[in-house]
Amino acid sequence: MPNRTTPPHIEKFIIRANEVDMFNHLTLPALANFLQEAANWNAHNLGFSSQVLQERGLSWVLARMRIECFGWPQLREEIQVLTFPSGMDKYYCYRDYRVMDAKGNMLAQATTSWPVIDLEKRQMIAVPDFIREFPVSEETPLPRASGKIGSVENPTYTADFQVGWHHIDNNRHTNNMYYFQWLAETLPADFLATHRLKELDIMFRMESNLGDCIKGKAEQESDGQPQFRHSLTLTDSGKELVQARTVWEHEMMK
């Protein structure tokens, strides 16, 4: 088990024009990108970056994320993402996040699970001994995401997407940020224009690659507060890439 502790890492961002929607609110894909960027820098500073792992034929992959959102900042606002490694077990390293505005108000919090994969075999492996030296923070960890999400049985909405050149990252598969985008864009535009995301629980099950065609499906689970189960699947084979559940609240946009 890790025998060192580390202070949380803080990364600051100014929200840019390409990171907001038509109402000038930060988008879900942009938020996911901020979390990913903060994690990358923290891992780099601690000596466990993707580049270090790649030299050993390994890579970090994001397996699951649960986000709770309390407010959505707007164009040109400054936010800070506080992130820290929060523990590990045989197969997963855990990382948590807190997102705050410039006054320290909490905007979001998230917990994530990260296995290590063998890049040649494209398979998850037990956390290697050298990564077990990865320090953890003294910050109180969030409850970890657990339990099943399940597949979409009777979709209320569907949409089609294709993996393009700019969707691919340096692991040569689709960057996770685009899955967040496609989940949201499976829902109708008039719904997205009148609702804000409150909760997201997403499980990444399989990678996709350049040229893959993807089917987005969303099934409404509740007649009260809008809640959906989502999936993204490969159109040709039906294999499931992502399972997710979202909870939304109605909000009049300005």
Protein backbone atom coordinates (compact mmCIF):
# COMPACT_ATOMS: atom_id res chain seq x y z
CA MET A 1 0.00 0.00 0.00
CA PRO A 2 1.15 3.60 -0.51
CA ASN A 3 3.30 4.83 2.37
CA ARG A 4 3.54 8.53 1.44
CA THR A 5 1.09 11.40 1.45
CA THR A 6 0.88 14.38 -0.86
CA PRO A 7 -1.04 17.68 -0.77
CA PRO A 8 -3.86 18.09 -3.29
CA HIS A 9 -2.95 19.53 -6.67
CA ILE A 10 -4.69 22.74 -7.78
CA GLU A 11 -5.08 23.67 -11.44
CA LYS A 12 -6.70 26.98 -12.44
CA PHE A 13 -8.66 27.60 -15.64
CA ILE A 14 -10.24 30.63 -17.29
CA ILE A 15 -13.34 29.51 -19.18
CA ARG A 16 -12.92 30.24 -22.89
CA ALA A 17 -15.46 30.86 -25.64
CA ASN A 18 -15.14 27.34 -27.08
CA GLU A 19 -15.91 25.85 -23.64
CA VAL A 20 -19.40 27.32 -23.18
CA ASP A 21 -22.82 26.65 -24.68
CA MET A 22 -25.20 29.12 -26.31
CA PHE A 23 -26.12 30.45 -22.86
CA ASN A 24 -22.45 31.03 -21.91
CA HIS A 25 -22.42 28.20 -19.35
CA LEU A 26 -19.51 25.76 -19.12
CA THR A 27 -20.29 22.57 -21.06
CA LEU A 28 -20.09 19.02 -19.71
CA PRO A 29 -17.31 17.99 -22.16
CA ALA A 30 -15.27 21.05 -21.13
CA LEU A 31 -15.70 20.18 -17.45
CA ALA A 32 -14.57 16.61 -18.15
CA ASN A 33 -11.55 18.00 -20.02
CA PHE A 34 -10.59 20.21 -17.04
CA LEU A 35 -10.71 17.20 -14.72
CA GLN A 36 -8.60 15.17 -17.13
CA GLU A 37 -6.05 17.97 -17.51
CA ALA A 38 -5.70 18.46 -13.75
CA ALA A 39 -5.22 14.72 -13.23
CA ASN A 40 -2.59 14.57 -15.96
CA TRP A 41 -0.56 17.38 -14.39
CA ASN A 42 -0.81 15.91 -10.90
CA ALA A 43 0.32 12.47 -12.12
CA HIS A 44 3.17 14.13 -14.05
CA ASN A 45 4.36 16.08 -11.01
CA LEU A 46 4.28 12.93 -8.87
CA GLY A 47 6.33 10.97 -11.43
CA PHE A 48 3.54 8.68 -12.63
CA SER A 49 2.51 10.35 -15.89
CA SER A 50 1.13 8.58 -18.94
CA GLN A 51 4.53 9.07 -20.59
CA VAL A 52 6.29 7.28 -17.73
CA LEU A 53 3.85 4.38 -17.97
CA GLN A 54 4.11 4.23 -21.76
CA GLU A 55 7.86 3.67 -21.48
CA ARG A 56 6.95 0.44 -19.68
CA GLY A 57 4.27 -0.50 -22.22
CA LEU A 58 1.47 0.56 -19.88
CA SER A 59 -1.15 3.28 -19.64
CA TRP A 60 -3.71 4.75 -17.28
CA VAL A 61 -7.33 4.41 -18.40
CA LEU A 62 -10.43 5.93 -16.86
CA ALA A 63 -12.89 3.18 -15.90
CA ARG A 64 -15.57 5.07 -13.98
CA MET A 65 -16.49 8.59 -12.92
CA ARG A 66 -19.27 9.95 -10.76
CA ILE A 67 -19.82 13.73 -10.87
CA GLU A 68 -22.13 15.86 -8.74
CA CYS A 69 -22.76 19.38 -10.04
CA PHE A 70 -23.89 22.29 -7.86
CA GLY A 71 -23.43 25.21 -10.24
CA TRP A 72 -22.25 25.93 -13.78
CA PRO A 73 -19.75 28.80 -14.24
CA GLN A 74 -19.87 31.13 -17.21
CA LEU A 75 -17.62 32.54 -19.90
CA ARG A 76 -14.39 34.16 -18.63
CA GLU A 77 -14.93 33.03 -15.05
CA GLU A 78 -11.93 31.56 -13.26
CA ILE A 79 -12.33 28.16 -11.65
CA GLN A 80 -9.91 25.91 -9.84
CA VAL A 81 -9.82 22.14 -9.90
CA LEU A 82 -8.43 20.51 -6.78
CA THR A 83 -7.49 16.85 -7.32
CA PHE A 84 -5.75 14.17 -5.29
CA PRO A 85 -5.07 10.41 -5.37
CA SER A 86 -7.39 8.90 -2.78
CA GLY A 87 -6.36 5.23 -2.54
CA MET A 88 -5.93 1.99 -4.45
CA ASP A 89 -6.72 -1.72 -4.35
CA LYS A 90 -5.52 -4.67 -6.40
CA TYR A 91 -6.75 -3.39 -9.77
CA TYR A 92 -7.73 0.28 -9.36
CA CYS A 93 -6.21 3.58 -8.34
CA TYR A 94 -8.71 6.17 -7.16
CA ARG A 95 -8.68 9.93 -7.68
CA ASP A 96 -11.07 12.60 -6.41
CA TYR A 97 -11.78 16.18 -7.47
CA ARG A 98 -13.34 19.35 -6.15
CA VAL A 99 -14.19 22.19 -8.53
CA MET A 100 -14.55 25.70 -7.04
CA ASP A 101 -15.09 29.22 -8.27
CA ALA A 102 -12.73 32.11 -7.50
CA LYS A 103 -14.51 32.73 -4.16
CA GLY A 104 -14.12 29.12 -3.05
CA ASN A 105 -17.74 28.10 -3.65
CA MET A 106 -18.11 24.43 -4.59
CA LEU A 107 -19.25 23.95 -8.19
CA ALA A 108 -18.77 20.20 -8.56
CA GLN A 109 -17.11 17.16 -7.04
CA ALA A 110 -16.13 13.89 -8.66
CA THR A 111 -14.61 10.52 -7.87
CA THR A 112 -12.86 8.32 -10.43
CA SER A 113 -11.41 4.82 -10.82
CA TRP A 114 -8.25 4.23 -12.90
CA PRO A 115 -6.89 0.79 -13.82
CA VAL A 116 -3.61 0.22 -15.66
CA ILE A 117 -3.65 -1.53 -19.04
CA ASP A 118 -0.99 -3.40 -20.97
CA LEU A 119 -0.80 -1.44 -24.23
CA GLU A 120 0.25 -4.44 -26.34
CA LYS A 121 -2.43 -6.81 -25.04
CA ARG A 122 -4.99 -4.00 -24.50
CA GLN A 123 -5.88 -5.67 -21.19
CA MET A 124 -6.21 -4.46 -17.63
CA ILE A 125 -3.53 -5.71 -15.24
CA ALA A 126 -3.07 -5.68 -11.46
CA VAL A 127 -1.58 -2.39 -10.23
CA PRO A 128 2.21 -2.84 -10.67
CA ASP A 129 4.49 -2.62 -7.64
CA PHE A 130 6.17 0.59 -8.81
CA ILE A 131 2.77 2.34 -8.95
CA ARG A 132 2.03 1.16 -5.41
CA GLU A 133 4.55 3.79 -4.36
CA PHE A 134 2.04 6.38 -5.64
CA PRO A 135 1.30 8.71 -2.70
CA VAL A 136 -2.22 9.42 -1.48
CA SER A 137 -3.65 12.62 -0.07
CA GLU A 138 -4.69 13.31 3.49
CA GLU A 139 -7.88 14.83 2.07
CA THR A 140 -11.05 12.93 2.97
CA PRO A 141 -11.95 10.72 -0.02
CA LEU A 142 -15.39 10.81 -1.58
CA PRO A 143 -17.56 7.67 -1.52
CA ARG A 144 -16.46 5.57 -4.48
CA ALA A 145 -18.77 4.87 -7.37
CA SER A 146 -20.08 1.32 -7.16
CA GLY A 147 -22.93 -0.90 -8.29
CA LYS A 148 -24.34 -1.63 -11.70
CA ILE A 149 -25.74 0.90 -14.13
CA GLY A 150 -27.19 -1.48 -16.70
CA SER A 151 -27.87 -1.34 -20.42
CA VAL A 152 -30.57 0.65 -22.20
CA GLU A 153 -33.48 -1.66 -22.99
CA ASN A 154 -36.09 0.67 -24.50
CA PRO A 155 -34.45 3.88 -25.71
CA THR A 156 -36.46 7.08 -25.56
CA TYR A 157 -33.92 8.85 -27.77
CA THR A 158 -31.18 7.74 -30.15
CA ALA A 159 -28.42 9.47 -32.13
CA ASP A 160 -25.56 8.45 -34.41
CA PHE A 161 -21.91 9.51 -34.21
CA GLN A 162 -18.63 8.62 -35.90
CA VAL A 163 -15.11 8.71 -34.47
CA GLY A 164 -13.02 11.21 -36.44
CA TRP A 165 -9.34 12.09 -36.55
CA HIS A 166 -9.55 14.77 -33.85
CA HIS A 167 -11.35 12.44 -31.44
CA ILE A 168 -8.27 10.21 -31.08
CA ASP A 169 -5.77 10.74 -28.23
CA ASN A 170 -2.18 9.58 -27.71
CA ASN A 171 -3.37 6.15 -26.59
CA ARG A 172 -4.74 5.82 -30.15
CA HIS A 173 -8.34 5.48 -29.10
CA THR A 174 -11.23 7.91 -28.57
CA ASN A 175 -10.56 10.49 -25.89
CA ASN A 176 -13.03 10.09 -23.03
CA MET A 177 -14.11 13.72 -23.32
CA TYR A 178 -16.06 12.92 -26.49
CA TYR A 179 -18.10 10.23 -24.77
CA PHE A 180 -19.41 12.91 -22.42
CA GLN A 181 -20.34 15.02 -25.45
CA TRP A 182 -22.12 12.16 -27.22
CA LEU A 183 -24.07 11.16 -24.12
CA ALA A 184 -25.44 14.68 -23.80
CA GLU A 185 -26.10 15.08 -27.53
CA THR A 186 -28.24 11.94 -27.59
CA LEU A 187 -30.84 14.02 -25.73
CA PRO A 188 -32.95 16.53 -27.70
CA ALA A 189 -31.71 20.10 -28.10
CA ASP A 190 -34.86 21.54 -26.54
CA PHE A 191 -34.25 19.43 -23.42
CA LEU A 192 -30.60 20.52 -23.17
CA ALA A 193 -31.70 24.15 -23.60
CA THR A 194 -33.95 23.98 -20.52
CA HIS A 195 -32.11 21.61 -18.16
CA ARG A 196 -28.81 21.48 -16.30
CA LEU A 197 -26.95 18.33 -15.32
CA LYS A 198 -26.96 17.55 -11.59
CA GLU A 199 -25.42 14.06 -11.45
CA LEU A 200 -23.54 11.76 -13.81
CA ASP A 201 -22.32 8.22 -13.18
CA ILE A 202 -20.41 6.85 -16.18
CA MET A 203 -18.71 3.50 -16.72
CA PHE A 204 -16.24 2.99 -19.58
CA ARG A 205 -16.37 -0.61 -20.79
CA MET A 206 -14.54 -0.73 -24.12
CA GLU A 207 -12.45 1.53 -26.36
CA SER A 208 -13.41 2.83 -29.80
CA ASN A 209 -11.14 3.76 -32.68
CA LEU A 210 -10.84 5.95 -35.73
CA GLY A 211 -13.73 5.46 -38.15
CA ASP A 212 -15.99 3.57 -35.73
CA CYS A 213 -19.70 4.33 -36.00
CA ILE A 214 -21.41 4.74 -32.64
CA LYS A 215 -25.06 4.56 -31.60
CA GLY A 216 -26.12 6.73 -28.67
CA LYS A 217 -29.19 5.61 -26.70
CA ALA A 218 -30.96 7.25 -23.77
CA GLU A 219 -33.88 5.83 -21.80
CA GLN A 220 -35.90 8.00 -19.42
CA GLU A 221 -36.19 6.29 -16.05
CA SER A 222 -38.49 8.62 -14.12
CA ASP A 223 -41.62 10.66 -14.77
CA GLY A 224 -40.60 13.14 -12.07
CA GLN A 225 -37.11 14.60 -11.96
CA PRO A 226 -35.55 13.90 -15.39
CA GLN A 227 -33.29 10.89 -15.07
CA PHE A 228 -31.86 8.81 -17.92
CA ARG A 229 -29.91 5.64 -18.44
CA HIS A 230 -27.48 5.95 -21.36
CA SER A 231 -25.35 3.71 -23.53
CA LEU A 232 -22.95 4.17 -26.41
CA THR A 233 -22.46 1.10 -28.58
CA LEU A 234 -20.58 0.18 -31.74
CA THR A 235 -23.16 0.29 -34.51
CA ASP A 236 -21.81 -2.73 -36.41
CA SER A 237 -21.38 -5.19 -33.54
CA GLY A 238 -23.61 -3.76 -30.82
CA LYS A 239 -20.74 -4.02 -28.33
CA GLU A 240 -21.15 -1.57 -25.49
CA LEU A 241 -18.58 1.19 -25.04
CA VAL A 242 -20.18 3.16 -22.21
CA GLN A 243 -22.97 2.87 -19.68
CA ALA A 244 -24.13 5.95 -17.79
CA ARG A 245 -26.90 7.44 -15.71
CA THR A 246 -27.72 11.15 -15.57
CA VAL A 247 -29.98 13.29 -13.36
CA TRP A 248 -31.06 16.74 -14.52
CA GLU A 249 -32.92 19.76 -13.15
CA HIS A 250 -35.07 22.25 -14.99
CA GLU A 251 -33.53 25.69 -15.28
CA MET A 252 -34.58 28.77 -17.17
CA MET A 253 -31.57 29.82 -19.22
CA LYS A 254 -30.44 33.39 -19.66
